């Protein structure tokens, strides 16, 4: 049995006292190749690397670990942690090999969680591990947890190896309902009269459109989830403009684009301010999704979507109407 690097346990009590408006908030922290620079060595598989090549395809003498840091993402009104689980996406785990099973043991701090499941050959599979109460106590006290994987623990002549693609820690916090939410729901509306979409994270604005302007605006549901101001590192405000001549709204996370419209095109675009926060391309966390932006010379308006199928269809089948511009920003599902 090889020694594992572990963090010392810190005892604490989970603060799970009830509250009148108590509820739950789920936070996910995903680490993949984009976080490789945070560790001593880069070992999550990048998309342009071969899965069965070193240094990403690792054996028994190449154990390693990583830290999930949630300190900056904990809801401001959190009362405690109800549950948490870890998922690891792995490739080429031969746990059922009759000539000698591959046993990849996963630890959270000093606690053994279990082993990676057999992938059925050189394929990808995700294994889920529930975090025990001792680890939840540490996570509540420290805001982070250290994961260590002991690769091919039971040495044999077969010499098994494994490649990791990503690891996600999902934590369910009990919240009082009195603090700033960790995520904002961005709602989407459609206006047949204007042939335009409208997005808002303002619950009052959303309800006002539903109650008073249902004839003009049809509620289409949740578009994606964004952030309150300054809640996460590297996040930035998304700015909204309204054009009376074009009868449409425009959204951008770019300060340069905002300033250009304000300084040079104020007669066309009226600045309405910050509407929510998100992540600019190149500064996004691993668990965010892109929001794609299109422009139509024919309709003189923009369109935004997080749906890959919609994006691809517009590029392949509707390029005469819609021009793909770029990723506008990164948000959460």
Protein backbone atom coordinates (compact mmCIF):
# COMPACT_ATOMS: atom_id res chain seq x y z
CA UNK A 1 0.00 0.00 0.00
CA UNK A 2 1.49 3.29 -1.09
CA UNK A 3 1.29 6.33 1.18
CA UNK A 4 -1.21 9.01 0.15
CA UNK A 5 -0.87 12.75 0.69
CA UNK A 6 -3.73 13.80 2.93
CA UNK A 7 -4.97 16.88 4.72
CA UNK A 8 -5.48 16.90 8.45
CA UNK A 9 -9.07 16.63 9.63
CA UNK A 10 -10.66 19.60 11.35
CA UNK A 11 -13.62 18.83 13.52
CA UNK A 12 -16.67 21.07 13.37
CA UNK A 13 -20.41 21.04 13.76
CA UNK A 14 -22.64 21.43 10.75
CA UNK A 15 -24.88 24.43 11.29
CA UNK A 16 -28.19 23.02 10.10
CA UNK A 17 -30.59 25.12 12.15
CA UNK A 18 -33.93 25.70 10.45
CA UNK A 19 -35.14 29.03 9.12
CA UNK A 20 -38.48 30.34 7.97
CA UNK A 21 -37.45 30.62 4.31
CA UNK A 22 -34.83 27.87 4.32
CA UNK A 23 -34.07 26.11 1.09
CA UNK A 24 -31.16 24.58 -0.77
CA UNK A 25 -28.55 25.77 -3.24
CA UNK A 26 -26.40 23.42 -5.30
CA UNK A 27 -22.86 24.45 -6.24
CA UNK A 28 -20.74 22.52 -8.76
CA UNK A 29 -16.98 22.83 -9.07
CA UNK A 30 -15.49 21.09 -12.12
CA UNK A 31 -11.78 20.69 -12.74
CA UNK A 32 -10.41 19.63 -16.12
CA UNK A 33 -7.35 20.40 -18.27
CA UNK A 34 -8.04 24.15 -17.93
CA UNK A 35 -7.11 23.88 -14.23
CA UNK A 36 -3.90 21.91 -14.81
CA UNK A 37 -1.70 24.90 -13.97
CA UNK A 38 -3.08 24.93 -10.43
CA UNK A 39 -1.41 21.62 -9.58
CA UNK A 40 2.20 20.50 -9.21
CA UNK A 41 1.92 18.70 -12.54
CA UNK A 42 -0.65 18.91 -15.38
CA UNK A 43 -2.49 15.60 -15.60
CA UNK A 44 -6.14 16.14 -16.66
CA UNK A 45 -6.30 15.22 -20.36
CA UNK A 46 -6.41 18.20 -22.76
CA UNK A 47 -8.62 17.80 -25.86
CA UNK A 48 -5.68 17.73 -28.29
CA UNK A 49 -3.69 15.00 -26.48
CA UNK A 50 -3.75 11.22 -27.02
CA UNK A 51 -5.45 9.41 -24.12
CA UNK A 52 -2.98 6.52 -23.88
CA UNK A 53 0.21 8.60 -23.95
CA UNK A 54 2.33 9.87 -21.06
CA UNK A 55 2.07 11.99 -18.98
CA UNK A 56 -1.75 11.75 -18.93
CA UNK A 57 -1.99 7.94 -19.08
CA UNK A 58 -0.65 7.18 -15.60
CA UNK A 59 0.36 4.07 -13.67
CA UNK A 60 1.00 2.92 -10.11
CA UNK A 61 4.06 5.08 -9.47
CA UNK A 62 2.34 8.21 -10.79
CA UNK A 63 -0.36 8.86 -8.19
CA UNK A 64 -1.59 12.42 -7.87
CA UNK A 65 -4.25 14.65 -6.41
CA UNK A 66 -6.08 17.96 -6.69
CA UNK A 67 -8.08 20.37 -4.55
CA UNK A 68 -11.67 21.48 -5.09
CA UNK A 69 -11.90 25.04 -3.73
CA UNK A 70 -15.42 26.31 -3.08
CA UNK A 71 -14.57 29.10 -0.66
CA UNK A 72 -15.55 31.84 -3.12
CA UNK A 73 -18.75 30.11 -4.23
CA UNK A 74 -20.45 29.34 -0.91
CA UNK A 75 -23.88 31.03 -0.72
CA UNK A 76 -23.79 34.05 1.56
CA UNK A 77 -26.75 32.72 3.56
CA UNK A 78 -25.51 29.12 3.83
CA UNK A 79 -26.42 27.35 7.07
CA UNK A 80 -24.48 24.16 6.41
CA UNK A 81 -23.91 21.32 3.96
CA UNK A 82 -26.62 18.73 3.46
CA UNK A 83 -24.76 16.44 1.07
CA UNK A 84 -21.97 16.33 -1.49
CA UNK A 85 -20.70 13.93 -4.09
CA UNK A 86 -17.68 13.63 -6.34
CA UNK A 87 -17.71 12.37 -9.94
CA UNK A 88 -14.55 11.40 -11.82
CA UNK A 89 -14.50 10.85 -15.57
CA UNK A 90 -11.86 8.20 -16.33
CA UNK A 91 -10.60 6.26 -19.36
CA UNK A 92 -9.24 2.71 -19.53
CA UNK A 93 -10.03 1.33 -16.07
CA UNK A 94 -9.62 -2.48 -16.09
CA UNK A 95 -11.23 -3.19 -12.74
CA UNK A 96 -12.63 -6.52 -14.01
CA UNK A 97 -9.43 -7.82 -15.61
CA UNK A 98 -9.28 -11.57 -14.75
CA UNK A 99 -5.48 -11.55 -15.06
CA UNK A 100 -5.21 -8.92 -12.36
CA UNK A 101 -7.82 -6.24 -11.64
CA UNK A 102 -6.92 -2.56 -11.74
CA UNK A 103 -7.74 -0.99 -8.36
CA UNK A 104 -7.71 2.81 -8.44
CA UNK A 105 -8.55 4.03 -4.92
CA UNK A 106 -9.98 7.51 -4.47
CA UNK A 107 -9.58 9.44 -1.18
CA UNK A 108 -11.13 12.68 0.02
CA UNK A 109 -8.74 14.10 2.62
CA UNK A 110 -7.84 10.99 4.65
CA UNK A 111 -11.09 9.14 3.94
CA UNK A 112 -11.26 6.36 1.35
CA UNK A 113 -14.29 6.88 -0.92
CA UNK A 114 -14.01 3.79 -3.12
CA UNK A 115 -12.53 2.72 -6.45
CA UNK A 116 -13.00 3.78 -10.05
CA UNK A 117 -15.50 1.61 -11.92
CA UNK A 118 -14.49 -0.59 -14.86
CA UNK A 119 -14.84 1.26 -18.16
CA UNK A 120 -15.25 -1.83 -20.32
CA UNK A 121 -12.03 -1.29 -22.24
CA UNK A 122 -10.50 1.87 -23.59
CA UNK A 123 -13.61 3.96 -23.05
CA UNK A 124 -14.72 6.84 -20.84
CA UNK A 125 -16.91 6.30 -17.80
CA UNK A 126 -17.93 8.44 -14.82
CA UNK A 127 -17.77 7.06 -11.27
CA UNK A 128 -19.73 8.75 -8.47
CA UNK A 129 -18.64 8.88 -4.82
CA UNK A 130 -20.71 10.19 -1.89
CA UNK A 131 -18.70 12.27 0.59
CA UNK A 132 -19.02 11.02 4.20
CA UNK A 133 -19.90 13.30 7.11
CA UNK A 134 -16.28 13.68 8.22
CA UNK A 135 -15.38 15.16 4.82
CA UNK A 136 -18.50 17.35 4.79
CA UNK A 137 -17.38 18.77 8.14
CA UNK A 138 -13.99 19.67 6.68
CA UNK A 139 -15.57 21.13 3.57
CA UNK A 140 -17.86 23.33 5.66
CA UNK A 141 -14.96 24.49 7.85
CA UNK A 142 -12.34 24.97 5.13
CA UNK A 143 -14.30 25.59 1.95
CA UNK A 144 -12.19 23.00 0.14
CA UNK A 145 -11.41 19.29 -0.08
CA UNK A 146 -8.30 17.45 -1.30
CA UNK A 147 -8.81 14.47 -3.61
CA UNK A 148 -6.10 11.84 -4.00
CA UNK A 149 -6.12 8.89 -6.40
CA UNK A 150 -3.96 5.85 -5.65
CA UNK A 151 -3.51 4.35 -9.13
CA UNK A 152 -3.31 0.56 -9.53
CA UNK A 153 -3.03 0.08 -5.77
CA UNK A 154 -2.67 -3.72 -5.88
CA UNK A 155 0.55 -4.10 -7.83
CA UNK A 156 0.75 -6.96 -10.32
CA UNK A 157 2.68 -7.73 -13.47
CA UNK A 158 -0.09 -6.40 -15.72
CA UNK A 159 0.82 -2.78 -14.96
CA UNK A 160 -2.52 -1.04 -15.44
CA UNK A 161 -2.84 2.64 -16.28
CA UNK A 162 -5.62 5.22 -16.25
CA UNK A 163 -6.36 8.62 -17.82
CA UNK A 164 -8.56 11.23 -16.14
CA UNK A 165 -10.65 13.75 -18.05
CA UNK A 166 -12.33 15.75 -15.29
CA UNK A 167 -13.58 15.74 -11.70
CA UNK A 168 -16.70 17.49 -10.43
CA UNK A 169 -17.62 18.20 -6.81
CA UNK A 170 -21.34 18.86 -6.31
CA UNK A 171 -22.37 20.32 -2.95
CA UNK A 172 -25.90 20.90 -1.66
CA UNK A 173 -25.99 23.76 0.85
CA UNK A 174 -28.87 24.53 3.16
CA UNK A 175 -29.63 28.25 2.87
CA UNK A 176 -31.83 30.62 4.83
CA UNK A 177 -33.11 32.48 1.79
CA UNK A 178 -31.98 35.80 3.28
CA UNK A 179 -28.68 36.25 1.47
CA UNK A 180 -27.47 36.98 -2.03
CA UNK A 181 -28.15 34.00 -4.30
CA UNK A 182 -25.12 32.32 -5.83
CA UNK A 183 -26.84 32.10 -9.22
CA UNK A 184 -29.32 34.32 -11.04
CA UNK A 185 -31.92 32.82 -13.36
CA UNK A 186 -31.92 34.54 -16.74
CA UNK A 187 -35.36 34.36 -18.36
CA UNK A 188 -36.11 34.59 -22.08
CA UNK A 189 -39.09 36.24 -23.75
CA UNK A 190 -40.15 36.39 -27.40
CA UNK A 191 -42.08 39.17 -29.10
CA UNK A 192 -43.78 38.25 -32.42
CA UNK A 193 -44.51 41.93 -33.02
CA UNK A 194 -40.83 42.91 -32.68
CA UNK A 195 -39.39 39.59 -33.96
CA UNK A 196 -36.97 39.84 -31.08
CA UNK A 197 -35.95 38.12 -27.84
CA UNK A 198 -35.56 39.76 -24.46
CA UNK A 199 -33.47 38.47 -21.54
CA UNK A 200 -33.74 39.44 -17.90
CA UNK A 201 -32.48 38.23 -14.51
CA UNK A 202 -34.74 40.68 -12.70
CA UNK A 203 -37.60 38.66 -11.19
CA UNK A 204 -39.79 41.76 -10.87
CA UNK A 205 -39.21 42.67 -14.51
CA UNK A 206 -39.98 39.10 -15.55
CA UNK A 207 -43.23 38.99 -13.57
CA UNK A 208 -44.28 42.41 -14.85
CA UNK A 209 -43.97 41.22 -18.45
CA UNK A 210 -45.96 38.07 -17.68
CA UNK A 211 -48.71 39.90 -15.76
CA UNK A 212 -49.03 43.12 -17.78
CA UNK A 213 -47.51 42.54 -21.22
CA UNK A 214 -48.39 38.96 -22.13
CA UNK A 215 -49.82 40.11 -25.47
CA UNK A 216 -46.49 41.64 -26.49
CA UNK A 217 -44.08 39.24 -24.80
CA UNK A 218 -44.32 35.43 -24.61
CA UNK A 219 -42.38 33.83 -21.77
CA UNK A 220 -40.14 31.03 -23.12
CA UNK A 221 -38.52 29.86 -19.88
CA UNK A 222 -35.00 29.80 -18.45
CA UNK A 223 -32.25 30.66 -20.93
CA UNK A 224 -29.29 30.06 -18.59
CA UNK A 225 -27.99 31.04 -15.14
CA UNK A 226 -25.75 34.01 -14.43
CA UNK A 227 -24.17 35.67 -11.37
CA UNK A 228 -24.81 38.53 -8.96
CA UNK A 229 -22.31 41.40 -9.06
CA UNK A 230 -18.79 40.44 -7.99
CA UNK A 231 -19.78 37.02 -6.68
CA UNK A 232 -17.08 34.99 -8.46
CA UNK A 233 -13.45 35.78 -9.33
CA UNK A 234 -12.91 36.85 -12.97
CA UNK A 235 -16.62 37.55 -13.51
CA UNK A 236 -17.76 40.74 -15.21
CA UNK A 237 -21.00 42.63 -15.85
CA UNK A 238 -23.17 42.06 -18.94
CA UNK A 239 -24.50 45.39 -20.24
CA UNK A 240 -27.89 45.96 -21.89
CA UNK A 241 -28.86 48.45 -24.59
CA UNK A 242 -32.21 49.31 -26.16
CA UNK A 243 -32.61 50.59 -29.70
CA UNK A 244 -35.83 52.48 -30.43
CA UNK A 245 -35.05 52.74 -34.18
CA UNK A 246 -34.46 48.96 -34.41
CA UNK A 247 -36.96 47.86 -31.73
CA UNK A 248 -34.54 45.42 -30.14
CA UNK A 249 -32.17 44.91 -27.22
CA UNK A 250 -28.45 44.22 -27.31
CA UNK A 251 -26.26 42.56 -24.66
CA UNK A 252 -22.47 42.59 -24.31
CA UNK A 253 -19.86 41.74 -21.69
CA UNK A 254 -17.23 43.83 -23.52
CA UNK A 255 -16.42 47.19 -21.92
CA UNK A 256 -14.87 48.31 -25.18
CA UNK A 257 -18.04 47.51 -27.11
CA UNK A 258 -20.16 49.19 -24.43
CA UNK A 259 -18.06 52.36 -24.53
CA UNK A 260 -18.15 52.50 -28.32
CA UNK A 261 -21.95 52.34 -28.39
CA UNK A 262 -22.23 54.95 -25.63
CA UNK A 263 -19.70 57.33 -27.22
CA UNK A 264 -20.44 56.90 -30.93
CA UNK A 265 -23.92 55.40 -31.36
CA UNK A 266 -26.03 56.89 -28.57
CA UNK A 267 -28.60 58.01 -31.15
CA UNK A 268 -29.27 54.34 -31.99
CA UNK A 269 -28.51 52.52 -28.74
CA UNK A 270 -29.71 53.69 -25.32
CA UNK A 271 -27.57 52.33 -22.48
CA UNK A 272 -29.66 50.56 -19.79
CA UNK A 273 -26.87 49.42 -17.44
CA UNK A 274 -25.69 46.14 -15.94
CA UNK A 275 -28.25 43.32 -15.97
CA UNK A 276 -26.25 40.38 -14.56
CA UNK A 277 -22.67 39.13 -14.34
CA UNK A 278 -20.98 36.31 -16.29
CA UNK A 279 -17.51 35.28 -17.50
CA UNK A 280 -15.77 36.70 -20.56
CA UNK A 281 -14.26 34.20 -23.03
CA UNK A 282 -10.85 33.11 -21.79
CA UNK A 283 -11.74 33.72 -18.15
CA UNK A 284 -14.47 31.12 -17.73
CA UNK A 285 -14.52 28.35 -15.06
CA UNK A 286 -14.55 24.77 -16.29
CA UNK A 287 -18.23 24.18 -15.47
CA UNK A 288 -19.65 27.06 -17.50
CA UNK A 289 -21.25 26.93 -20.96
CA UNK A 290 -20.84 29.31 -23.91
CA UNK A 291 -23.55 31.77 -24.93
CA UNK A 292 -23.32 32.15 -28.72
CA UNK A 293 -24.10 35.44 -30.48
CA UNK A 294 -25.53 35.94 -33.98
CA UNK A 295 -26.29 39.06 -35.98
CA UNK A 296 -28.83 39.42 -38.79
CA UNK A 297 -28.36 42.11 -41.45
CA UNK A 298 -31.81 41.16 -42.73
CA UNK A 299 -33.61 41.58 -39.38
CA UNK A 300 -31.20 44.12 -37.88
CA UNK A 301 -30.98 42.40 -34.51
CA UNK A 302 -28.92 39.94 -32.45
CA UNK A 303 -29.76 36.44 -31.26
CA UNK A 304 -28.22 34.55 -28.31
CA UNK A 305 -28.31 30.83 -27.56
CA UNK A 306 -26.57 28.22 -25.40
CA UNK A 307 -27.95 25.34 -27.47
CA UNK A 308 -25.29 23.68 -29.63
CA UNK A 309 -27.85 22.15 -32.02
CA UNK A 310 -29.50 25.55 -32.59
CA UNK A 311 -26.12 27.18 -33.17
CA UNK A 312 -25.05 24.52 -35.69
CA UNK A 313 -28.39 24.63 -37.53
CA UNK A 314 -28.25 28.42 -37.88
CA UNK A 315 -24.70 28.25 -39.24
CA UNK A 316 -25.44 25.40 -41.69
CA UNK A 317 -28.99 26.21 -42.76
CA UNK A 318 -29.66 29.89 -42.02
CA UNK A 319 -26.41 31.64 -42.85
CA UNK A 320 -28.28 33.81 -45.38
CA UNK A 321 -30.16 35.39 -42.44
CA UNK A 322 -27.95 34.87 -39.38
CA UNK A 323 -24.20 35.55 -39.17
CA UNK A 324 -22.37 33.81 -36.35
CA UNK A 325 -20.27 36.44 -34.53
CA UNK A 326 -18.64 34.76 -31.54
CA UNK A 327 -19.11 33.53 -27.98
CA UNK A 328 -20.74 36.44 -26.17
CA UNK A 329 -19.90 35.21 -22.64
CA UNK A 330 -19.93 32.08 -20.49
CA UNK A 331 -22.80 31.29 -18.13
CA UNK A 332 -24.16 28.33 -16.16
CA UNK A 333 -26.78 25.82 -17.21
